[in-house]
N, C-alpha and C. Protein backbone atom coordinates (compact mmCIF):
# COMPACT_ATOMS: atom_id res chain seq x y z
N MET A 1 0.82 -1.22 0.02
CA MET A 1 -0.09 0.01 -0.01
C MET A 1 0.94 1.28 0.18
N LYS A 2 2.24 1.06 0.60
CA LYS A 2 2.99 2.57 0.72
C LYS A 2 3.44 2.87 -0.78
N ARG A 3 3.63 2.04 -1.46
CA ARG A 3 3.95 2.26 -2.91
C ARG A 3 3.05 3.16 -3.60
N GLU A 4 1.71 2.81 -3.57
CA GLU A 4 0.87 3.41 -4.24
C GLU A 4 0.74 4.87 -3.50
N THR A 5 0.66 4.72 -2.33
CA THR A 5 0.54 5.95 -1.74
C THR A 5 1.58 7.06 -1.91
N PHE A 6 2.92 6.48 -2.19
CA PHE A 6 4.13 7.08 -2.28
C PHE A 6 3.68 7.84 -3.58
N PHE A 7 3.33 7.36 -4.60
CA PHE A 7 3.29 7.74 -5.79
C PHE A 7 2.05 8.77 -5.87
N LEU A 8 0.95 8.74 -5.19
CA LEU A 8 0.04 9.57 -5.05
C LEU A 8 0.76 10.95 -4.21
N LYS A 9 1.45 10.63 -3.36
CA LYS A 9 2.03 11.76 -2.61
C LYS A 9 2.95 12.69 -3.31
N LEU A 10 3.64 11.87 -4.22
CA LEU A 10 4.70 12.62 -4.85
C LEU A 10 3.94 13.30 -6.25
N VAL A 11 2.64 12.81 -6.63
CA VAL A 11 2.08 13.83 -7.31
C VAL A 11 1.31 14.73 -7.00
N VAL A 12 0.85 14.88 -5.69
CA VAL A 12 0.30 16.07 -4.94
C VAL A 12 1.53 17.00 -5.01
N ILE A 13 2.53 16.66 -4.33
CA ILE A 13 3.66 17.59 -4.38
C ILE A 13 4.06 18.23 -5.61
N LEU A 14 4.12 17.30 -6.71
CA LEU A 14 4.26 18.03 -7.97
C LEU A 14 3.26 18.78 -8.65
N MET A 15 1.96 18.45 -7.98
CA MET A 15 0.99 19.49 -8.29
C MET A 15 1.04 20.91 -8.04
N SER A 16 1.77 20.98 -6.67
CA SER A 16 2.22 22.19 -5.96
C SER A 16 3.05 23.10 -6.53
N LEU A 17 4.10 22.34 -7.35
CA LEU A 17 5.05 23.37 -7.83
C LEU A 17 4.94 24.29 -8.96
N PRO A 18 4.00 23.88 -10.10
CA PRO A 18 3.60 25.01 -11.02
C PRO A 18 3.24 26.00 -10.27
N VAL A 19 1.90 25.58 -9.37
CA VAL A 19 1.09 27.05 -8.71
C VAL A 19 1.86 27.81 -8.00
N LEU A 20 3.09 27.17 -7.26
CA LEU A 20 4.09 27.98 -6.48
C LEU A 20 4.80 28.75 -7.59
N ALA A 21 5.08 28.50 -8.66
CA ALA A 21 5.95 29.03 -9.38
C ALA A 21 4.98 30.12 -10.11
N LEU A 22 3.62 29.77 -10.58
CA LEU A 22 2.74 30.91 -10.93
C LEU A 22 2.82 31.95 -9.96
N CYS A 23 2.72 31.64 -8.71
CA CYS A 23 2.36 32.70 -7.64
C CYS A 23 3.71 33.69 -7.60
N ILE A 24 4.73 32.88 -7.76
CA ILE A 24 6.05 33.94 -7.59
C ILE A 24 6.37 34.73 -8.82
N PHE A 25 6.04 34.11 -10.03
CA PHE A 25 6.54 34.83 -11.24
C PHE A 25 5.51 35.41 -12.26
N VAL A 26 4.18 34.56 -12.29
CA VAL A 26 3.17 35.00 -12.88
C VAL A 26 2.15 36.04 -12.76
N VAL A 27 1.81 35.81 -11.12
CA VAL A 27 0.78 36.79 -10.53
C VAL A 27 1.04 38.14 -10.73
N PRO A 28 2.35 38.44 -10.27
CA PRO A 28 2.48 40.02 -10.23
C PRO A 28 2.40 40.63 -11.61
N GLU A 29 3.01 39.72 -12.39
CA GLU A 29 3.05 40.20 -14.04
C GLU A 29 1.57 40.31 -14.45
N ILE A 30 0.46 39.56 -14.30
CA ILE A 30 -0.78 39.62 -14.71
C ILE A 30 -1.28 40.84 -14.21
N ALA A 31 -1.08 41.16 -12.69
CA ALA A 31 -1.67 42.08 -12.05
C ALA A 31 -1.26 43.55 -12.76
N GLU A 32 0.07 43.58 -13.17
CA GLU A 32 0.73 44.83 -13.73
C GLU A 32 0.05 45.05 -15.15
N PHE A 33 0.03 44.04 -15.85
CA PHE A 33 -0.69 44.06 -17.28
C PHE A 33 -2.03 44.35 -17.13
N PHE A 34 -2.77 43.93 -16.54
CA PHE A 34 -4.15 44.40 -16.04
C PHE A 34 -4.14 45.81 -15.90
N ALA A 35 -3.37 46.36 -14.84
CA ALA A 35 -3.39 47.87 -14.66
C ALA A 35 -2.87 48.57 -15.93
N GLU A 36 -1.98 47.97 -16.62
CA GLU A 36 -1.83 48.74 -18.07
C GLU A 36 -2.73 48.85 -19.04
N LEU A 37 -3.58 47.69 -19.03
CA LEU A 37 -4.39 47.67 -20.05
C LEU A 37 -5.55 48.52 -19.75
N ASN A 38 -5.98 48.81 -18.52
CA ASN A 38 -6.99 49.37 -18.15
C ASN A 38 -6.81 50.44 -17.05
N PRO A 39 -5.98 51.73 -17.55
CA PRO A 39 -5.55 52.69 -16.46
C PRO A 39 -6.58 53.12 -15.52
N THR A 40 -8.03 53.27 -15.94
CA THR A 40 -8.95 53.51 -14.95
C THR A 40 -9.40 52.69 -14.04
N LEU A 41 -9.02 51.39 -14.14
CA LEU A 41 -9.34 50.30 -13.19
C LEU A 41 -7.82 49.77 -12.63
N ALA A 42 -6.97 50.51 -12.79
CA ALA A 42 -5.71 50.18 -12.22
C ALA A 42 -5.79 49.78 -10.61
N TYR A 43 -6.52 50.68 -9.85
CA TYR A 43 -6.67 50.38 -8.80
C TYR A 43 -6.95 48.85 -8.18
N LEU A 44 -7.65 48.32 -9.16
CA LEU A 44 -8.16 46.81 -8.81
C LEU A 44 -7.20 45.83 -8.84
N GLN A 45 -5.95 46.27 -9.23
CA GLN A 45 -4.67 45.30 -9.43
C GLN A 45 -4.58 44.56 -8.55
N TYR A 46 -4.41 45.13 -7.27
CA TYR A 46 -4.46 44.61 -5.87
C TYR A 46 -5.13 43.67 -5.38
N PRO A 47 -6.46 44.15 -5.58
CA PRO A 47 -7.58 42.87 -4.98
C PRO A 47 -7.40 41.95 -5.95
N PHE A 48 -7.09 41.86 -7.09
CA PHE A 48 -7.39 40.74 -8.17
C PHE A 48 -6.22 40.05 -7.70
N GLN A 49 -4.62 40.61 -7.42
CA GLN A 49 -3.58 39.80 -6.82
C GLN A 49 -4.12 39.04 -5.66
N MET A 50 -4.51 39.69 -4.82
CA MET A 50 -4.71 39.17 -3.34
C MET A 50 -5.58 38.03 -3.74
N GLY A 51 -6.74 38.03 -4.46
CA GLY A 51 -7.59 36.96 -4.61
C GLY A 51 -7.00 35.85 -5.34
N LEU A 52 -6.13 36.13 -6.35
CA LEU A 52 -5.14 35.02 -6.66
C LEU A 52 -4.34 34.45 -5.72
N TYR A 53 -3.79 35.19 -4.58
CA TYR A 53 -3.10 34.48 -3.75
C TYR A 53 -3.92 33.96 -2.77
N VAL A 54 -5.14 34.14 -2.41
CA VAL A 54 -5.91 33.46 -1.47
C VAL A 54 -6.36 32.12 -2.20
N THR A 55 -6.52 32.33 -3.40
CA THR A 55 -7.03 30.97 -4.16
C THR A 55 -5.79 29.94 -4.26
N ALA A 56 -4.57 30.39 -4.19
CA ALA A 56 -3.23 29.81 -4.20
C ALA A 56 -3.32 29.18 -2.73
N ILE A 57 -3.66 29.83 -1.82
CA ILE A 57 -3.30 29.33 -0.59
C ILE A 57 -4.45 28.38 -0.20
N VAL A 58 -5.69 28.47 -0.33
CA VAL A 58 -6.63 27.65 -0.33
C VAL A 58 -6.47 26.38 -0.98
N PHE A 59 -5.54 26.45 -2.18
CA PHE A 59 -5.36 25.29 -2.99
C PHE A 59 -4.42 24.51 -2.27
N PHE A 60 -3.35 25.24 -1.59
CA PHE A 60 -2.26 24.43 -0.83
C PHE A 60 -2.88 23.77 0.51
N VAL A 61 -3.79 24.49 0.93
CA VAL A 61 -4.64 23.73 2.12
C VAL A 61 -5.34 22.37 1.68
N ALA A 62 -5.94 22.62 0.51
CA ALA A 62 -6.55 21.27 -0.03
C ALA A 62 -5.38 20.12 -0.14
N LEU A 63 -4.46 20.61 -0.75
CA LEU A 63 -3.24 19.47 -1.25
C LEU A 63 -2.79 19.16 0.28
N TYR A 64 -2.66 19.95 1.18
CA TYR A 64 -2.05 19.42 2.30
C TYR A 64 -3.08 18.33 3.01
N GLN A 65 -4.40 18.67 2.96
CA GLN A 65 -5.56 17.59 3.25
C GLN A 65 -5.31 16.56 2.58
N ALA A 66 -5.05 16.59 1.20
CA ALA A 66 -5.10 15.10 0.42
C ALA A 66 -3.63 14.36 0.82
N LEU A 67 -2.81 15.02 1.33
CA LEU A 67 -1.52 14.35 1.71
C LEU A 67 -1.93 13.72 3.26
N ARG A 68 -2.66 14.38 4.23
CA ARG A 68 -2.93 14.01 5.37
C ARG A 68 -4.00 12.74 4.93
N LEU A 69 -4.67 12.82 4.08
CA LEU A 69 -5.56 11.66 3.91
C LEU A 69 -4.72 10.44 3.62
N LEU A 70 -3.82 10.63 2.64
CA LEU A 70 -2.87 9.50 1.94
C LEU A 70 -2.21 9.04 3.31
N SER A 71 -1.58 9.82 4.13
CA SER A 71 -0.95 9.06 5.35
C SER A 71 -1.83 8.69 6.30
N TYR A 72 -3.14 8.84 6.00
CA TYR A 72 -4.21 7.91 7.17
C TYR A 72 -4.36 6.66 6.29
N ILE A 73 -4.21 6.51 5.22
CA ILE A 73 -4.35 5.32 4.52
C ILE A 73 -3.16 4.63 4.67
N ASP A 74 -1.94 4.93 4.73
CA ASP A 74 -0.61 4.29 4.95
C ASP A 74 -0.74 3.81 6.27
N ASN A 75 -1.47 4.52 7.37
CA ASN A 75 -1.30 4.12 8.89
C ASN A 75 -2.65 3.42 9.15
N ASN A 76 -3.27 2.86 7.94
CA ASN A 76 -4.46 1.80 8.17
C ASN A 76 -5.48 2.65 9.17
N GLN A 77 -5.78 3.85 9.03
CA GLN A 77 -6.66 4.50 9.25
C GLN A 77 -7.81 5.18 8.23
N ALA A 78 -7.98 4.49 7.20
CA ALA A 78 -8.64 4.96 6.11
C ALA A 78 -10.15 5.14 6.34
N PHE A 79 -10.41 4.39 7.41
CA PHE A 79 -12.01 4.37 7.50
C PHE A 79 -11.95 4.96 9.16
N SER A 80 -11.77 6.16 8.97
CA SER A 80 -11.96 6.69 10.48
C SER A 80 -12.40 8.11 10.28
N GLU A 81 -12.79 8.67 11.36
CA GLU A 81 -13.35 10.12 11.18
C GLU A 81 -12.25 11.04 10.85
N LEU A 82 -10.92 10.74 11.08
CA LEU A 82 -10.18 11.82 10.58
C LEU A 82 -10.08 12.10 8.90
N SER A 83 -10.40 10.86 8.43
CA SER A 83 -10.31 10.62 6.85
C SER A 83 -11.75 11.45 6.56
N VAL A 84 -12.79 11.48 7.11
CA VAL A 84 -13.94 11.99 7.00
C VAL A 84 -13.76 13.58 7.06
N LYS A 85 -13.01 13.93 8.13
CA LYS A 85 -12.70 15.44 8.10
C LYS A 85 -11.88 16.11 7.28
N ALA A 86 -10.88 14.91 6.70
CA ALA A 86 -9.90 15.49 5.48
C ALA A 86 -10.76 15.52 4.37
N LEU A 87 -11.96 14.79 3.99
CA LEU A 87 -12.67 14.92 2.94
C LEU A 87 -13.35 16.26 3.06
N LYS A 88 -14.02 16.44 4.15
CA LYS A 88 -14.96 17.50 4.47
C LYS A 88 -13.82 18.81 4.18
N ASN A 89 -12.68 18.84 4.55
CA ASN A 89 -11.82 20.04 4.42
C ASN A 89 -11.50 20.21 2.99
N ILE A 90 -11.31 19.27 2.04
CA ILE A 90 -11.07 19.25 0.81
C ILE A 90 -12.16 19.70 -0.09
N LYS A 91 -13.47 19.54 0.48
CA LYS A 91 -14.70 19.90 -0.27
C LYS A 91 -14.93 21.38 0.06
N TYR A 92 -14.61 21.87 1.18
CA TYR A 92 -14.69 23.21 1.65
C TYR A 92 -13.84 24.08 0.75
N CYS A 93 -12.41 23.56 0.69
CA CYS A 93 -11.58 24.35 -0.19
C CYS A 93 -12.09 24.46 -1.66
N ALA A 94 -12.48 23.46 -2.07
CA ALA A 94 -12.75 23.42 -3.56
C ALA A 94 -14.21 24.49 -3.60
N ILE A 95 -14.95 24.43 -2.70
CA ILE A 95 -16.30 25.33 -2.48
C ILE A 95 -15.73 26.65 -2.55
N THR A 96 -14.81 26.96 -1.76
CA THR A 96 -14.23 28.30 -1.65
C THR A 96 -13.26 28.77 -2.74
N ILE A 97 -12.73 27.87 -3.56
CA ILE A 97 -11.93 28.34 -4.64
C ILE A 97 -12.92 28.68 -5.87
N SER A 98 -13.83 27.85 -5.98
CA SER A 98 -15.06 27.99 -7.23
C SER A 98 -15.81 29.49 -6.69
N SER A 99 -16.16 29.69 -5.20
CA SER A 99 -16.93 31.01 -5.01
C SER A 99 -15.80 32.29 -5.26
N LEU A 100 -14.47 31.83 -4.97
CA LEU A 100 -13.86 33.19 -5.44
C LEU A 100 -13.68 33.44 -6.79
N TYR A 101 -13.58 32.24 -7.78
CA TYR A 101 -13.65 32.65 -8.98
C TYR A 101 -14.71 33.32 -9.52
N VAL A 102 -15.96 33.06 -9.02
CA VAL A 102 -17.42 33.32 -9.33
C VAL A 102 -17.42 35.09 -9.13
N VAL A 103 -16.81 35.23 -7.71
CA VAL A 103 -16.67 36.47 -7.31
C VAL A 103 -15.68 37.37 -8.35
N PHE A 104 -14.48 36.85 -8.70
CA PHE A 104 -13.86 37.77 -9.52
C PHE A 104 -14.07 37.53 -11.07
N MET A 105 -15.08 36.79 -11.43
CA MET A 105 -15.39 36.86 -13.06
C MET A 105 -15.52 38.10 -13.69
N PRO A 106 -16.21 39.08 -13.10
CA PRO A 106 -16.28 40.39 -13.74
C PRO A 106 -15.00 40.99 -13.98
N LEU A 107 -14.06 40.73 -12.85
CA LEU A 107 -12.98 41.55 -13.16
C LEU A 107 -12.21 40.58 -14.41
N ILE A 108 -12.07 39.23 -14.49
CA ILE A 108 -11.58 38.72 -15.50
C ILE A 108 -12.25 39.14 -16.70
N TYR A 109 -13.63 39.22 -16.69
CA TYR A 109 -14.24 39.70 -17.71
C TYR A 109 -13.87 40.83 -18.37
N LEU A 110 -13.78 42.00 -17.45
CA LEU A 110 -13.00 43.28 -18.17
C LEU A 110 -11.70 43.33 -18.63
N MET A 111 -10.90 42.34 -17.81
CA MET A 111 -9.51 42.19 -18.49
C MET A 111 -9.60 41.45 -19.88
N ALA A 112 -10.20 40.43 -20.09
CA ALA A 112 -10.63 39.62 -21.43
C ALA A 112 -11.21 40.79 -22.38
N GLU A 113 -12.05 41.53 -21.91
CA GLU A 113 -12.53 42.43 -22.85
C GLU A 113 -11.58 43.58 -23.32
N VAL A 114 -10.87 44.04 -22.59
CA VAL A 114 -9.86 45.01 -23.13
C VAL A 114 -8.66 44.32 -23.83
N ASP A 115 -8.29 43.13 -23.45
CA ASP A 115 -7.30 42.51 -24.09
C ASP A 115 -7.84 41.75 -25.31
N ASP A 116 -9.25 41.67 -25.67
CA ASP A 116 -9.94 40.79 -26.66
C ASP A 116 -9.19 39.36 -26.50
N ALA A 117 -9.51 38.88 -25.36
CA ALA A 117 -8.93 37.42 -25.42
C ALA A 117 -9.73 36.54 -24.40
N PRO A 118 -10.82 36.12 -24.91
CA PRO A 118 -12.14 35.56 -24.67
C PRO A 118 -11.50 33.82 -23.80
N GLY A 119 -10.38 33.65 -24.23
CA GLY A 119 -9.92 32.50 -23.72
C GLY A 119 -9.73 32.53 -22.00
N ILE A 120 -9.42 33.77 -21.75
CA ILE A 120 -9.27 33.92 -20.08
C ILE A 120 -10.67 33.76 -19.53
N ILE A 121 -11.79 34.17 -20.20
CA ILE A 121 -12.98 33.71 -19.51
C ILE A 121 -13.42 32.06 -19.45
N VAL A 122 -13.06 31.40 -20.49
CA VAL A 122 -12.89 30.20 -20.62
C VAL A 122 -12.39 29.29 -19.42
N ILE A 123 -11.07 30.04 -19.12
CA ILE A 123 -10.19 29.29 -18.13
C ILE A 123 -10.73 29.48 -16.85
N GLY A 124 -11.48 30.77 -16.55
CA GLY A 124 -12.02 30.88 -15.27
C GLY A 124 -13.23 30.06 -15.30
N MET A 125 -13.93 29.91 -16.21
CA MET A 125 -15.05 28.94 -16.00
C MET A 125 -14.66 27.47 -15.96
N VAL A 126 -13.82 26.94 -16.82
CA VAL A 126 -13.00 25.69 -16.34
C VAL A 126 -12.51 25.56 -14.96
N ILE A 127 -12.04 26.38 -14.39
CA ILE A 127 -11.60 26.60 -12.80
C ILE A 127 -12.88 26.32 -12.07
N ILE A 128 -13.94 27.31 -12.51
CA ILE A 128 -15.11 26.90 -11.17
C ILE A 128 -15.64 25.56 -11.75
N PHE A 129 -15.92 25.16 -12.80
CA PHE A 129 -16.57 23.67 -13.18
C PHE A 129 -15.56 22.57 -12.39
N GLY A 130 -14.31 22.82 -12.77
CA GLY A 130 -13.52 21.82 -11.84
C GLY A 130 -13.62 21.88 -10.68
N CYS A 131 -13.32 23.00 -9.89
CA CYS A 131 -13.65 22.90 -8.52
C CYS A 131 -14.87 22.45 -7.73
N SER A 132 -16.03 22.87 -8.72
CA SER A 132 -17.36 22.25 -8.41
C SER A 132 -17.41 20.72 -8.26
N VAL A 133 -16.92 20.28 -9.51
CA VAL A 133 -16.60 18.75 -9.50
C VAL A 133 -15.93 18.18 -8.34
N VAL A 134 -14.72 18.62 -8.16
CA VAL A 134 -14.04 18.01 -6.83
C VAL A 134 -14.89 18.24 -5.62
N ALA A 135 -15.45 19.32 -5.60
CA ALA A 135 -16.52 19.54 -4.32
C ALA A 135 -17.36 18.31 -4.19
N VAL A 136 -17.95 18.25 -5.23
CA VAL A 136 -19.20 17.08 -5.44
C VAL A 136 -18.57 15.89 -5.18
N PHE A 137 -17.49 15.44 -5.77
CA PHE A 137 -16.70 14.10 -5.60
C PHE A 137 -16.33 13.98 -3.98
N ALA A 138 -15.88 14.99 -3.47
CA ALA A 138 -15.33 14.83 -2.04
C ALA A 138 -16.73 14.66 -1.32
N ALA A 139 -17.75 15.35 -1.62
CA ALA A 139 -19.04 15.05 -0.67
C ALA A 139 -19.56 13.67 -0.72
N VAL A 140 -19.34 13.03 -2.18
CA VAL A 140 -19.82 11.85 -2.18
C VAL A 140 -18.89 10.81 -1.54
N LEU A 141 -17.60 11.09 -1.60
CA LEU A 141 -16.54 10.26 -0.84
C LEU A 141 -16.70 10.25 0.51
N GLN A 142 -17.05 11.59 1.06
CA GLN A 142 -17.27 11.69 2.56
C GLN A 142 -18.47 10.82 2.93
N LYS A 143 -19.51 10.89 2.23
CA LYS A 143 -20.67 10.38 2.74
C LYS A 143 -20.70 8.61 2.28
N LEU A 144 -19.62 8.18 1.48
CA LEU A 144 -19.57 6.80 1.26
C LEU A 144 -18.79 6.28 2.61
N LEU A 145 -17.73 6.95 2.74
CA LEU A 145 -16.62 7.05 3.99
C LEU A 145 -17.53 6.74 5.10
N ARG A 146 -18.42 7.70 5.60
CA ARG A 146 -19.24 8.01 6.58
C ARG A 146 -19.93 6.46 6.70
N SER A 147 -20.77 6.30 5.87
CA SER A 147 -21.59 5.04 5.77
C SER A 147 -20.82 3.59 6.01
N ALA A 148 -19.59 3.72 5.32
CA ALA A 148 -18.78 2.85 5.61
C ALA A 148 -18.22 2.51 7.00
N ILE A 149 -17.91 3.33 7.62
CA ILE A 149 -17.55 3.47 8.97
C ILE A 149 -18.62 2.86 9.83
N GLU A 150 -19.98 3.47 9.73
CA GLU A 150 -21.01 2.96 10.28
C GLU A 150 -21.11 1.25 10.13
N ILE A 151 -21.13 1.05 8.92
CA ILE A 151 -21.13 -0.52 8.76
C ILE A 151 -20.17 -1.11 9.46
N LYS A 152 -18.72 -0.72 9.37
CA LYS A 152 -17.74 -1.24 10.16
C LYS A 152 -18.06 -1.41 11.64
N SER A 153 -18.57 -0.34 12.28
CA SER A 153 -18.70 -0.33 13.89
C SER A 153 -20.02 -1.32 14.03
N GLU A 154 -20.90 -1.08 13.21
CA GLU A 154 -21.99 -2.22 13.57
C GLU A 154 -21.49 -3.58 13.58
N ASN A 155 -20.48 -4.03 12.43
CA ASN A 155 -19.81 -5.27 12.37
C ASN A 155 -18.99 -5.68 13.53
N ASP A 156 -18.36 -4.78 14.00
CA ASP A 156 -17.44 -4.87 15.24
C ASP A 156 -18.34 -4.99 16.54
N LEU A 157 -19.41 -4.87 16.48
CA LEU A 157 -20.30 -4.85 17.73
C LEU A 157 -20.98 -6.16 17.70
N THR A 158 -21.34 -6.60 16.61
CA THR A 158 -21.93 -7.75 16.51
C THR A 158 -20.78 -9.07 16.94
N VAL A 159 -19.70 -9.00 16.51
CA VAL A 159 -18.87 -9.92 16.60
C VAL A 159 -18.45 -10.15 18.10
């Protein structure tokens, strides 16, 4: 079991590296580019930048919860309340990211309108949809895991 979870842990860590690089190198450039494109809305570059950083922080929290869930699987605690709590936190992180992008979509729309790049809107919509799918999937897994824990505890009591 440790080999499979090691691979998944490696994938989770590798998922964090591009987001970290984007936060360091690309996000400030995007905010400055937005301010140059639309000088009348230049004051919105900092809320836009902070929104992207908050999104990244929530993303890292979700990845940390995924690492915790994988460590619970390694320690044979997959069917425990700790796993249910980790899935609940992942669900809330996905809902938060989706909500943040819904709030910032008008700003993304303004940026796409000025730059004449409708692909930015599509990227925002894909992020909203992807996070919604992750939230629903985590909720289903949470419910399934909770019912499996109940069945396991009933079986332990009958023996």
